[in-house]
C-alpha atoms as a PDB file:
ATOM      1  CA  UNK A   1      20.709-110.384-109.188  1.00  0.00           C
ATOM      2  CA  UNK A   2      24.021-111.514-110.691  1.00  0.00           C
ATOM      3  CA  UNK A   3      23.213-109.935-114.058  1.00  0.00           C
ATOM      4  CA  UNK A   4      22.223-106.656-112.389  1.00  0.00           C
ATOM      5  CA  UNK A   5      25.431-106.464-110.361  1.00  0.00           C
ATOM      6  CA  UNK A   6      27.551-107.422-113.372  1.00  0.00           C
ATOM      7  CA  UNK A   7      25.888-104.694-115.430  1.00  0.00           C
ATOM      8  CA  UNK A   8      26.587-102.128-112.694  1.00  0.00           C
ATOM      9  CA  UNK A   9      30.222-103.236-112.448  1.00  0.00           C
ATOM     10  CA  UNK A  10      30.644-103.091-116.222  1.00  0.00           C
ATOM     11  CA  UNK A  11      29.185 -99.588-116.442  1.00  0.00           C
ATOM     12  CA  UNK A  12      31.532 -98.426-113.694  1.00  0.00           C
ATOM     13  CA  UNK A  13      34.490 -99.820-115.613  1.00  0.00           C
ATOM     14  CA  UNK A  14      33.325 -98.243-118.879  1.00  0.00           C
ATOM     15  CA  UNK A  15      32.914 -94.871-117.174  1.00  0.00           C
ATOM     16  CA  UNK A  16      36.627 -95.044-116.335  1.00  0.00           C
ATOM     17  CA  UNK A  17      37.960 -96.522-119.568  1.00  0.00           C
ATOM     18  CA  UNK A  18      35.536 -95.964-122.470  1.00  0.00           C
ATOM     19  CA  UNK A  19      32.896 -93.328-121.806  1.00  0.00           C
ATOM     20  CA  UNK A  20      31.763 -93.261-125.433  1.00  0.00           C
ATOM     21  CA  UNK A  21      30.772 -96.923-125.255  1.00  0.00           C
ATOM     22  CA  UNK A  22      28.970 -96.262-121.965  1.00  0.00           C
ATOM     23  CA  UNK A  23      26.880 -93.498-123.531  1.00  0.00           C
ATOM     24  CA  UNK A  24      25.956 -95.806-126.392  1.00  0.00           C
ATOM     25  CA  UNK A  25      24.822 -98.546-124.021  1.00  0.00           C
ATOM     26  CA  UNK A  26      22.847 -96.163-121.830  1.00  0.00           C
ATOM     27  CA  UNK A  27      21.098 -94.837-124.922  1.00  0.00           C
ATOM     28  CA  UNK A  28      20.318 -98.278-126.333  1.00  0.00           C
ATOM     29  CA  UNK A  29      16.736 -98.122-125.076  1.00  0.00           C
ATOM     30  CA  UNK A  30      16.102 -95.201-127.429  1.00  0.00           C
ATOM     31  CA  UNK A  31      16.820 -97.264-130.564  1.00  0.00           C
ATOM     32  CA  UNK A  32      13.119 -97.916-131.165  1.00  0.00           C
ATOM     33  CA  UNK A  33      12.362 -94.216-130.857  1.00  0.00           C
ATOM     34  CA  UNK A  34      15.012 -93.444-133.479  1.00  0.00           C
ATOM     35  CA  UNK A  35      13.094 -95.530-136.009  1.00  0.00           C
ATOM     36  CA  UNK A  36      10.188 -93.066-135.955  1.00  0.00           C
ATOM     37  CA  UNK A  37      10.610 -90.917-139.064  1.00  0.00           C
ATOM     38  CA  UNK A  38       9.406 -87.281-139.058  1.00  0.00           C
ATOM     39  CA  UNK A  39       7.640 -85.765-142.035  1.00  0.00           C
ATOM     40  CA  UNK A  40      10.248 -84.851-144.663  1.00  0.00           C
ATOM     41  CA  UNK A  41       8.538 -81.686-145.935  1.00  0.00           C
ATOM     42  CA  UNK A  42       7.916 -80.330-142.426  1.00  0.00           C
ATOM     43  CA  UNK A  43      11.510 -81.096-141.448  1.00  0.00           C
ATOM     44  CA  UNK A  44      12.908 -79.216-144.440  1.00  0.00           C
ATOM     45  CA  UNK A  45      10.723 -76.194-143.686  1.00  0.00           C
ATOM     46  CA  UNK A  46      11.584 -76.249-139.969  1.00  0.00           C
ATOM     47  CA  UNK A  47      15.351 -76.271-140.506  1.00  0.00           C
ATOM     48  CA  UNK A  48      15.214 -73.960-143.520  1.00  0.00           C
ATOM     49  CA  UNK A  49      13.522 -71.330-141.374  1.00  0.00           C
ATOM     50  CA  UNK A  50      16.449 -71.592-138.939  1.00  0.00           C
ATOM     51  CA  UNK A  51      19.394 -71.950-141.321  1.00  0.00           C
ATOM     52  CA  UNK A  52      18.388 -70.157-144.513  1.00  0.00           C
ATOM     53  CA  UNK A  53      17.125 -66.895-143.059  1.00  0.00           C
ATOM     54  CA  UNK A  54      19.797 -64.136-143.152  1.00  0.00           C
ATOM     55  CA  UNK A  55      20.445 -62.383-139.838  1.00  0.00           C
ATOM     56  CA  UNK A  56      21.695 -58.812-139.487  1.00  0.00           C
ATOM     57  CA  UNK A  57      23.668 -58.422-136.285  1.00  0.00           C
ATOM     58  CA  UNK A  58      24.255 -55.127-134.518  1.00  0.00           C
ATOM     59  CA  UNK A  59      27.825 -54.277-135.520  1.00  0.00           C
ATOM     60  CA  UNK A  60      27.749 -51.077-133.444  1.00  0.00           C
ATOM     61  CA  UNK A  61      26.964 -52.705-130.112  1.00  0.00           C
ATOM     62  CA  UNK A  62      28.736 -51.106-127.166  1.00  0.00           C
ATOM     63  CA  UNK A  63      30.221 -54.355-125.917  1.00  0.00           C
ATOM     64  CA  UNK A  64      32.055 -54.814-129.238  1.00  0.00           C
ATOM     65  CA  UNK A  65      33.884 -51.542-128.711  1.00  0.00           C
ATOM     66  CA  UNK A  66      34.846 -52.641-125.220  1.00  0.00           C
ATOM     67  CA  UNK A  67      36.197 -55.922-126.545  1.00  0.00           C
ATOM     68  CA  UNK A  68      38.255 -54.137-129.194  1.00  0.00           C
ATOM     69  CA  UNK A  69      39.794 -51.900-126.544  1.00  0.00           C
ATOM     70  CA  UNK A  70      40.679 -54.873-124.347  1.00  0.00           C
ATOM     71  CA  UNK A  71      42.167 -56.775-127.295  1.00  0.00           C
ATOM     72  CA  UNK A  72      44.553 -54.012-128.400  1.00  0.00           C
ATOM     73  CA  UNK A  73      47.425 -55.424-126.365  1.00  0.00           C
ATOM     74  CA  UNK A  74      46.901 -58.983-127.630  1.00  0.00           C
ATOM     75  CA  UNK A  75      49.249 -59.956-130.499  1.00  0.00           C
ATOM     76  CA  UNK A  76      47.735 -61.054-133.776  1.00  0.00           C
ATOM     77  CA  UNK A  77      47.536 -64.792-134.325  1.00  0.00           C
ATOM     78  CA  UNK A  78      50.251 -66.067-136.690  1.00  0.00           C
ATOM     79  CA  UNK A  79      49.176 -67.414-140.051  1.00  0.00           C
ATOM     80  CA  UNK A  80      48.231 -71.086-140.065  1.00  0.00           C
ATOM     81  CA  UNK A  81      50.544 -73.407-141.963  1.00  0.00           C
ATOM     82  CA  UNK A  82      49.272 -76.923-142.662  1.00  0.00           C
ATOM     83  CA  UNK A  83      52.132 -79.350-143.244  1.00  0.00           C
ATOM     84  CA  UNK A  84      52.295 -83.080-143.870  1.00  0.00           C
ATOM     85  CA  UNK A  85      53.207 -83.627-140.205  1.00  0.00           C
ATOM     86  CA  UNK A  86      50.206 -81.557-139.141  1.00  0.00           C
ATOM     87  CA  UNK A  87      47.894 -83.700-141.281  1.00  0.00           C
ATOM     88  CA  UNK A  88      49.304 -86.912-139.830  1.00  0.00           C
ATOM     89  CA  UNK A  89      49.018 -85.629-136.258  1.00  0.00           C
ATOM     90  CA  UNK A  90      45.389 -84.700-136.856  1.00  0.00           C
ATOM     91  CA  UNK A  91      44.631 -88.104-138.370  1.00  0.00           C
ATOM     92  CA  UNK A  92      45.959 -89.809-135.226  1.00  0.00           C
ATOM     93  CA  UNK A  93      43.260 -88.227-133.060  1.00  0.00           C
ATOM     94  CA  UNK A  94      40.417 -88.892-135.517  1.00  0.00           C
ATOM     95  CA  UNK A  95      38.147 -91.924-135.202  1.00  0.00           C
ATOM     96  CA  UNK A  96      38.987 -94.397-137.985  1.00  0.00           C
ATOM     97  CA  UNK A  97      35.487 -95.697-138.606  1.00  0.00           C
ATOM     98  CA  UNK A  98      33.229 -92.777-137.793  1.00  0.00           C
ATOM     99  CA  UNK A  99      30.281 -92.324-140.176  1.00  0.00           C
ATOM    100  CA  UNK A 100      31.655 -90.806-143.414  1.00  0.00           C
ATOM    101  CA  UNK A 101      30.056 -88.252-145.649  1.00  0.00           C
ATOM    102  CA  UNK A 102      28.674 -88.740-149.155  1.00  0.00           C
ATOM    103  CA  UNK A 103      32.073 -89.845-150.488  1.00  0.00           C
ATOM    104  CA  UNK A 104      31.981 -92.805-148.024  1.00  0.00           C
ATOM    105  CA  UNK A 105      35.737 -92.679-147.357  1.00  0.00           C
ATOM    106  CA  UNK A 106      36.582 -93.438-143.732  1.00  0.00           C
ATOM    107  CA  UNK A 107      39.504 -91.812-141.957  1.00  0.00           C
ATOM    108  CA  UNK A 108      41.150 -95.248-141.696  1.00  0.00           C
ATOM    109  CA  UNK A 109      41.984 -95.283-145.401  1.00  0.00           C
ATOM    110  CA  UNK A 110      43.321 -91.736-145.514  1.00  0.00           C
ATOM    111  CA  UNK A 111      45.388 -92.461-142.411  1.00  0.00           C
ATOM    112  CA  UNK A 112      47.013 -95.521-143.986  1.00  0.00           C
ATOM    113  CA  UNK A 113      47.550 -94.146-147.499  1.00  0.00           C
ATOM    114  CA  UNK A 114      50.557 -92.128-146.351  1.00  0.00           C
ATOM    115  CA  UNK A 115      51.689 -91.245-149.862  1.00  0.00           C
ATOM    116  CA  UNK A 116      48.791 -88.787-150.217  1.00  0.00           C
ATOM    117  CA  UNK A 117      49.362 -86.924-146.930  1.00  0.00           C
ATOM    118  CA  UNK A 118      51.717 -84.393-148.488  1.00  0.00           C
ATOM    119  CA  UNK A 119      49.269 -83.708-151.334  1.00  0.00           C
ATOM    120  CA  UNK A 120      46.401 -83.292-148.861  1.00  0.00           C
ATOM    121  CA  UNK A 121      48.456 -80.812-146.824  1.00  0.00           C
ATOM    122  CA  UNK A 122      49.258 -78.819-149.982  1.00  0.00           C
ATOM    123  CA  UNK A 123      45.614 -78.498-151.020  1.00  0.00           C
ATOM    124  CA  UNK A 124      44.401 -77.670-147.496  1.00  0.00           C
ATOM    125  CA  UNK A 125      46.996 -74.923-147.296  1.00  0.00           C
ATOM    126  CA  UNK A 126      45.787 -73.664-150.674  1.00  0.00           C
ATOM    127  CA  UNK A 127      42.264 -73.420-149.252  1.00  0.00           C
ATOM    128  CA  UNK A 128      43.536 -71.217-146.422  1.00  0.00           C
ATOM    129  CA  UNK A 129      45.671 -69.070-148.698  1.00  0.00           C
ATOM    130  CA  UNK A 130      42.925 -68.452-151.255  1.00  0.00           C
ATOM    131  CA  UNK A 131      40.113 -68.267-148.698  1.00  0.00           C
ATOM    132  CA  UNK A 132      37.878 -70.685-150.602  1.00  0.00           C
ATOM    133  CA  UNK A 133      37.120 -74.400-150.451  1.00  0.00           C
ATOM    134  CA  UNK A 134      35.626 -76.775-153.036  1.00  0.00           C
ATOM    135  CA  UNK A 135      31.923 -77.388-152.571  1.00  0.00           C
ATOM    136  CA  UNK A 136      32.370 -81.130-151.981  1.00  0.00           C
ATOM    137  CA  UNK A 137      34.434 -80.487-148.830  1.00  0.00           C
ATOM    138  CA  UNK A 138      31.489 -78.852-147.070  1.00  0.00           C
ATOM    139  CA  UNK A 139      28.833 -81.110-148.590  1.00  0.00           C
ATOM    140  CA  UNK A 140      27.592 -83.744-146.156  1.00  0.00           C
ATOM    141  CA  UNK A 141      24.555 -85.722-145.141  1.00  0.00           C
ATOM    142  CA  UNK A 142      22.444 -84.887-142.115  1.00  0.00           C
ATOM    143  CA  UNK A 143      20.627 -87.360-139.893  1.00  0.00           C
ATOM    144  CA  UNK A 144      17.885 -86.443-137.434  1.00  0.00           C
ATOM    145  CA  UNK A 145      18.106 -88.004-133.965  1.00  0.00           C
ATOM    146  CA  UNK A 146      15.089 -87.943-131.665  1.00  0.00           C
ATOM    147  CA  UNK A 147      15.615 -86.061-128.398  1.00  0.00           C
ATOM    148  CA  UNK A 148      12.564 -87.094-126.340  1.00  0.00           C
ATOM    149  CA  UNK A 149      10.565 -90.166-127.356  1.00  0.00           C
ATOM    150  CA  UNK A 150       7.551 -89.024-125.318  1.00  0.00           C
ATOM    151  CA  UNK A 151       7.082 -86.065-127.689  1.00  0.00           C
ATOM    152  CA  UNK A 152       6.827 -88.292-130.726  1.00  0.00           C
ATOM    153  CA  UNK A 153       7.715 -87.417-134.303  1.00  0.00           C
ATOM    154  CA  UNK A 154       7.412 -83.635-134.033  1.00  0.00           C
ATOM    155  CA  UNK A 155      10.008 -82.030-136.273  1.00  0.00           C
ATOM    156  CA  UNK A 156      11.250 -79.848-133.409  1.00  0.00           C
ATOM    157  CA  UNK A 157      11.924 -82.974-131.346  1.00  0.00           C
ATOM    158  CA  UNK A 158      14.914 -83.970-133.490  1.00  0.00           C
ATOM    159  CA  UNK A 159      18.475 -82.725-133.436  1.00  0.00           C
ATOM    160  CA  UNK A 160      20.525 -82.736-136.650  1.00  0.00           C
ATOM    161  CA  UNK A 161      23.762 -84.726-136.807  1.00  0.00           C
ATOM    162  CA  UNK A 162      25.892 -83.783-139.805  1.00  0.00           C
ATOM    163  CA  UNK A 163      28.313 -86.289-141.355  1.00  0.00           C
ATOM    164  CA  UNK A 164      30.990 -84.260-143.129  1.00  0.00           C
ATOM    165  CA  UNK A 165      33.970 -85.410-145.214  1.00  0.00           C
ATOM    166  CA  UNK A 166      37.201 -86.409-143.493  1.00  0.00           C
ATOM    167  CA  UNK A 167      38.994 -83.709-145.499  1.00  0.00           C
ATOM    168  CA  UNK A 168      36.752 -81.061-143.936  1.00  0.00           C
ATOM    169  CA  UNK A 169      37.616 -82.414-140.474  1.00  0.00           C
ATOM    170  CA  UNK A 170      41.330 -82.276-141.311  1.00  0.00           C
ATOM    171  CA  UNK A 171      41.035 -78.636-142.369  1.00  0.00           C
ATOM    172  CA  UNK A 172      38.942 -77.452-139.441  1.00  0.00           C
ATOM    173  CA  UNK A 173      40.872 -79.621-136.976  1.00  0.00           C
ATOM    174  CA  UNK A 174      44.159 -77.957-137.888  1.00  0.00           C
ATOM    175  CA  UNK A 175      42.535 -74.526-137.745  1.00  0.00           C
ATOM    176  CA  UNK A 176      41.047 -75.276-134.326  1.00  0.00           C
ATOM    177  CA  UNK A 177      44.420 -76.467-133.027  1.00  0.00           C
ATOM    178  CA  UNK A 178      46.150 -73.208-133.998  1.00  0.00           C
ATOM    179  CA  UNK A 179      43.291 -71.030-132.757  1.00  0.00           C
ATOM    180  CA  UNK A 180      43.170 -72.842-129.421  1.00  0.00           C
ATOM    181  CA  UNK A 181      46.922 -72.441-129.012  1.00  0.00           C
ATOM    182  CA  UNK A 182      46.640 -68.694-129.616  1.00  0.00           C
ATOM    183  CA  UNK A 183      43.761 -68.343-127.126  1.00  0.00           C
ATOM    184  CA  UNK A 184      45.549 -70.444-124.515  1.00  0.00           C
ATOM    185  CA  UNK A 185      48.863 -68.595-124.806  1.00  0.00           C
ATOM    186  CA  UNK A 186      47.140 -65.260-124.327  1.00  0.00           C
ATOM    187  CA  UNK A 187      44.831 -66.421-121.497  1.00  0.00           C
ATOM    188  CA  UNK A 188      41.692 -65.702-123.516  1.00  0.00           C
ATOM    189  CA  UNK A 189      39.791 -68.806-122.344  1.00  0.00           C
ATOM    190  CA  UNK A 190      38.071 -68.494-118.992  1.00  0.00           C
ATOM    191  CA  UNK A 191      37.956 -71.383-116.526  1.00  0.00           C
ATOM    192  CA  UNK A 192      34.152 -71.414-116.738  1.00  0.00           C
ATOM    193  CA  UNK A 193      34.235 -72.471-120.401  1.00  0.00           C
ATOM    194  CA  UNK A 194      34.166 -76.210-119.899  1.00  0.00           C
ATOM    195  CA  UNK A 195      32.853 -77.063-123.342  1.00  0.00           C
ATOM    196  CA  UNK A 196      35.811 -75.752-125.341  1.00  0.00           C
ATOM    197  CA  UNK A 197      38.687 -76.319-122.928  1.00  0.00           C
ATOM    198  CA  UNK A 198      40.966 -79.323-123.200  1.00  0.00           C
ATOM    199  CA  UNK A 199      41.265 -81.918-120.449  1.00  0.00           C
ATOM    200  CA  UNK A 200      37.930 -80.952-118.904  1.00  0.00           C
ATOM    201  CA  UNK A 201      34.704 -82.844-118.438  1.00  0.00           C
ATOM    202  CA  UNK A 202      32.090 -82.340-121.119  1.00  0.00           C
ATOM    203  CA  UNK A 203      28.323 -81.949-120.847  1.00  0.00           C
ATOM    204  CA  UNK A 204      27.554 -85.664-120.840  1.00  0.00           C
ATOM    205  CA  UNK A 205      30.115 -86.310-118.130  1.00  0.00           C
ATOM    206  CA  UNK A 206      28.627 -83.569-115.970  1.00  0.00           C
ATOM    207  CA  UNK A 207      25.110 -84.968-116.437  1.00  0.00           C
ATOM    208  CA  UNK A 208      26.222 -88.470-115.454  1.00  0.00           C
ATOM    209  CA  UNK A 209      28.000 -87.156-112.374  1.00  0.00           C
ATOM    210  CA  UNK A 210      24.945 -85.090-111.370  1.00  0.00           C
ATOM    211  CA  UNK A 211      22.714 -88.142-111.805  1.00  0.00           C
ATOM    212  CA  UNK A 212      25.053 -90.249-109.693  1.00  0.00           C
ATOM    213  CA  UNK A 213      25.153 -87.706-106.872  1.00  0.00           C
ATOM    214  CA  UNK A 214      21.510 -86.618-106.877  1.00  0.00           C
ATOM    215  CA  UNK A 215      19.739 -89.902-107.652  1.00  0.00           C
ATOM    216  CA  UNK A 216      21.892 -92.998-107.445  1.00  0.00           C
ATOM    217  CA  UNK A 217      23.637 -92.125-104.185  1.00  0.00           C
ATOM    218  CA  UNK A 218      20.311 -91.291-102.569  1.00  0.00           C
ATOM    219  CA  UNK A 219      18.986 -94.700-103.614  1.00  0.00           C
ATOM    220  CA  UNK A 220      22.334 -96.373-102.842  1.00  0.00           C
ATOM    221  CA  UNK A 221      22.712 -97.540-106.427  1.00  0.00           C
ATOM    222  CA  UNK A 222      25.775 -97.537-108.650  1.00  0.00           C
ATOM    223  CA  UNK A 223      25.921 -96.781-112.339  1.00  0.00           C
END
Protein backbone atom coordinates (compact mmCIF):
# COMPACT_ATOMS: atom_id res chain seq x y z
CA UNK A 1 0.00 0.00 0.00
CA UNK A 2 2.87 2.36 0.84
CA UNK A 3 4.60 1.70 -2.48
CA UNK A 4 1.36 2.29 -4.40
CA UNK A 5 0.69 5.61 -2.67
CA UNK A 6 4.30 6.71 -3.08
CA UNK A 7 4.14 5.90 -6.79
CA UNK A 8 0.93 7.93 -7.16
CA UNK A 9 2.47 10.87 -5.28
CA UNK A 10 5.62 10.73 -7.40
CA UNK A 11 3.67 10.68 -10.66
CA UNK A 12 1.66 13.69 -9.51
CA UNK A 13 4.87 15.56 -8.77
CA UNK A 14 6.40 14.59 -12.11
CA UNK A 15 3.28 15.75 -13.95
CA UNK A 16 3.92 19.20 -12.48
CA UNK A 17 7.70 19.36 -12.78
CA UNK A 18 9.00 16.90 -15.41
CA UNK A 19 6.33 15.59 -17.76
CA UNK A 20 8.89 14.02 -20.10
CA UNK A 21 10.14 11.76 -17.31
CA UNK A 22 6.54 10.87 -16.43
CA UNK A 23 5.82 9.76 -19.99
CA UNK A 24 8.93 7.61 -19.96
CA UNK A 25 7.91 5.91 -16.72
CA UNK A 26 4.34 5.34 -17.87
CA UNK A 27 5.65 3.76 -21.05
CA UNK A 28 8.17 1.54 -19.28
CA UNK A 29 5.87 -1.48 -19.54
CA UNK A 30 6.21 -1.33 -23.33
CA UNK A 31 9.98 -1.94 -23.26
CA UNK A 32 9.54 -5.65 -23.94
CA UNK A 33 7.29 -4.90 -26.90
CA UNK A 34 9.96 -2.60 -28.35
CA UNK A 35 12.37 -5.53 -28.54
CA UNK A 36 10.19 -7.25 -31.16
CA UNK A 37 11.86 -6.54 -34.50
CA UNK A 38 9.74 -6.27 -37.68
CA UNK A 39 10.87 -7.77 -40.96
CA UNK A 40 13.45 -5.46 -42.53
CA UNK A 41 12.43 -6.02 -46.17
CA UNK A 42 8.72 -5.53 -45.44
CA UNK A 43 9.48 -2.39 -43.45
CA UNK A 44 11.50 -0.87 -46.28
CA UNK A 45 8.74 -1.61 -48.78
CA UNK A 46 6.01 -0.26 -46.47
CA UNK A 47 7.72 3.08 -45.87
CA UNK A 48 9.05 3.36 -49.42
CA UNK A 49 5.49 3.14 -50.72
CA UNK A 50 4.60 6.09 -48.47
CA UNK A 51 7.70 8.28 -48.82
CA UNK A 52 9.12 7.54 -52.26
CA UNK A 53 5.98 7.84 -54.35
CA UNK A 54 5.65 11.30 -55.98
CA UNK A 55 2.33 13.07 -55.38
CA UNK A 56 0.78 15.61 -57.74
CA UNK A 57 -1.36 18.06 -55.81
CA UNK A 58 -4.16 20.11 -57.32
CA UNK A 59 -2.55 23.54 -57.72
CA UNK A 60 -5.78 25.00 -59.14
CA UNK A 61 -8.00 24.18 -56.17
CA UNK A 62 -10.57 26.86 -55.39
CA UNK A 63 -9.56 27.19 -51.76
CA UNK A 64 -6.02 28.17 -52.81
CA UNK A 65 -7.38 31.16 -54.70
CA UNK A 66 -9.39 32.17 -51.65
CA UNK A 67 -6.32 31.96 -49.46
CA UNK A 68 -4.31 34.10 -51.87
CA UNK A 69 -7.01 36.76 -51.82
CA UNK A 70 -7.11 36.79 -48.02
CA UNK A 71 -3.31 36.97 -47.79
CA UNK A 72 -2.91 40.02 -50.05
CA UNK A 73 -2.95 42.43 -47.12
CA UNK A 74 -0.42 40.41 -45.11
CA UNK A 75 3.17 41.74 -45.38
CA UNK A 76 5.86 39.44 -46.68
CA UNK A 77 8.00 37.76 -44.05
CA UNK A 78 11.43 39.39 -43.71
CA UNK A 79 14.46 37.38 -44.76
CA UNK A 80 15.88 35.13 -42.06
CA UNK A 81 19.30 36.07 -40.72
CA UNK A 82 21.10 33.48 -38.60
CA UNK A 83 23.67 35.09 -36.32
CA UNK A 84 25.99 33.73 -33.65
CA UNK A 85 23.56 34.93 -30.97
CA UNK A 86 20.72 33.13 -32.73
CA UNK A 87 22.70 29.88 -32.75
CA UNK A 88 23.50 30.18 -29.05
CA UNK A 89 19.89 30.96 -28.16
CA UNK A 90 18.73 27.91 -30.08
CA UNK A 91 21.31 25.70 -28.39
CA UNK A 92 19.99 26.76 -24.97
CA UNK A 93 16.58 25.22 -25.66
CA UNK A 94 17.95 21.99 -27.16
CA UNK A 95 18.36 18.83 -25.10
CA UNK A 96 22.08 18.23 -24.47
CA UNK A 97 22.03 14.45 -24.60
CA UNK A 98 19.24 13.61 -27.01
CA UNK A 99 19.99 10.72 -29.39
CA UNK A 100 22.38 12.04 -32.07
CA UNK A 101 22.47 11.20 -35.73
CA UNK A 102 25.10 9.21 -37.61
CA UNK A 103 27.84 11.69 -36.67
CA UNK A 104 27.19 10.87 -32.97
CA UNK A 105 27.84 14.45 -31.82
CA UNK A 106 25.52 15.50 -29.00
CA UNK A 107 24.28 19.06 -28.62
CA UNK A 108 26.23 19.31 -25.35
CA UNK A 109 29.55 19.48 -27.19
CA UNK A 110 28.42 22.02 -29.77
CA UNK A 111 26.92 24.12 -26.98
CA UNK A 112 30.19 24.20 -25.03
CA UNK A 113 32.59 24.66 -27.96
CA UNK A 114 31.70 28.35 -28.22
CA UNK A 115 34.53 29.17 -30.61
CA UNK A 116 32.70 27.39 -33.45
CA UNK A 117 29.33 29.13 -32.98
CA UNK A 118 30.19 31.99 -35.31
CA UNK A 119 31.38 29.57 -38.01
CA UNK A 120 28.20 27.49 -37.64
CA UNK A 121 26.06 30.62 -38.00
CA UNK A 122 27.97 31.61 -41.16
CA UNK A 123 27.45 28.24 -42.85
CA UNK A 124 23.77 28.00 -41.83
CA UNK A 125 23.18 31.43 -43.31
CA UNK A 126 24.94 30.28 -46.47
CA UNK A 127 22.49 27.37 -46.70
CA UNK A 128 19.57 29.81 -46.59
CA UNK A 129 21.13 32.21 -49.06
CA UNK A 130 22.01 29.54 -51.62
CA UNK A 131 18.90 27.44 -51.01
CA UNK A 132 20.84 24.19 -50.66
CA UNK A 133 22.22 22.12 -47.79
CA UNK A 134 24.95 19.46 -47.68
CA UNK A 135 23.62 15.92 -47.80
CA UNK A 136 25.05 15.01 -44.39
CA UNK A 137 22.87 17.63 -42.66
CA UNK A 138 19.68 15.83 -43.68
CA UNK A 139 21.10 12.31 -43.35
CA UNK A 140 19.94 10.57 -40.18
CA UNK A 141 19.03 7.21 -38.75
CA UNK A 142 15.46 6.06 -38.23
CA UNK A 143 14.20 3.82 -35.45
CA UNK A 144 10.85 2.04 -35.46
CA UNK A 145 8.82 2.20 -32.23
CA UNK A 146 5.91 -0.18 -31.71
CA UNK A 147 2.53 1.52 -31.27
CA UNK A 148 0.32 -1.33 -30.02
CA UNK A 149 1.93 -4.47 -28.60
CA UNK A 150 -1.28 -6.48 -29.09
CA UNK A 151 -0.89 -6.16 -32.87
CA UNK A 152 2.55 -7.71 -32.84
CA UNK A 153 5.36 -7.12 -35.32
CA UNK A 154 3.25 -5.93 -38.26
CA UNK A 155 5.19 -3.31 -40.18
CA UNK A 156 2.24 -0.90 -40.03
CA UNK A 157 2.25 -1.14 -36.24
CA UNK A 158 5.47 0.88 -35.93
CA UNK A 159 6.03 4.61 -36.06
CA UNK A 160 9.34 5.97 -37.36
CA UNK A 161 11.49 8.16 -35.10
CA UNK A 162 14.20 9.99 -37.02
CA UNK A 163 17.45 11.01 -35.32
CA UNK A 164 18.84 13.95 -37.29
CA UNK A 165 22.08 15.91 -36.84
CA UNK A 166 22.22 18.75 -34.33
CA UNK A 167 23.19 21.09 -37.17
CA UNK A 168 19.91 20.29 -38.94
CA UNK A 169 18.01 21.11 -35.74
CA UNK A 170 19.87 24.42 -35.44
CA UNK A 171 18.92 25.36 -39.00
CA UNK A 172 15.27 24.35 -38.81
CA UNK A 173 14.93 25.68 -35.26
CA UNK A 174 15.98 29.16 -36.32
CA UNK A 175 13.71 28.99 -39.36
CA UNK A 176 10.77 27.88 -37.21
CA UNK A 177 11.40 30.72 -34.75
CA UNK A 178 11.23 33.38 -37.48
CA UNK A 179 8.24 31.78 -39.20
CA UNK A 180 6.33 31.50 -35.93
CA UNK A 181 7.06 35.15 -35.14
CA UNK A 182 5.69 36.21 -38.53
CA UNK A 183 2.53 34.10 -38.10
CA UNK A 184 1.99 35.34 -34.55
CA UNK A 185 2.46 39.02 -35.41
CA UNK A 186 -0.08 38.78 -38.21
CA UNK A 187 -2.61 36.67 -36.25
CA UNK A 188 -2.35 33.76 -38.69
CA UNK A 189 -2.48 31.04 -36.00
CA UNK A 190 -5.94 30.11 -34.79
CA UNK A 191 -6.63 29.30 -31.14
CA UNK A 192 -7.71 25.78 -32.13
CA UNK A 193 -4.19 24.89 -33.30
CA UNK A 194 -2.86 23.50 -30.06
CA UNK A 195 -0.09 21.44 -31.60
CA UNK A 196 1.91 24.32 -33.06
CA UNK A 197 1.17 27.11 -30.60
CA UNK A 198 3.57 28.02 -27.82
CA UNK A 199 2.64 27.74 -24.15
CA UNK A 200 -0.19 25.30 -24.84
CA UNK A 201 -0.75 21.72 -23.83
CA UNK A 202 0.33 19.10 -26.33
CA UNK A 203 -1.33 15.85 -27.38
CA UNK A 204 0.15 13.75 -24.59
CA UNK A 205 -0.90 16.27 -21.97
CA UNK A 206 -4.45 16.28 -23.30
CA UNK A 207 -4.59 12.47 -23.27
CA UNK A 208 -3.37 12.31 -19.67
CA UNK A 209 -5.91 14.91 -18.59
CA UNK A 210 -8.72 13.06 -20.40
CA UNK A 211 -7.67 9.80 -18.73
CA UNK A 212 -7.62 11.47 -15.32
CA UNK A 213 -11.09 12.96 -15.76
CA UNK A 214 -12.82 10.04 -17.48
CA UNK A 215 -11.23 7.07 -15.71
CA UNK A 216 -9.22 7.90 -12.62
CA UNK A 217 -11.71 10.33 -11.10
CA UNK A 218 -14.53 7.86 -11.64
CA UNK A 219 -12.51 5.20 -9.82
CA UNK A 220 -11.24 7.75 -7.27
CA UNK A 221 -7.64 7.10 -8.24
CA UNK A 222 -4.80 9.55 -8.76
CA UNK A 223 -2.10 9.39 -11.38
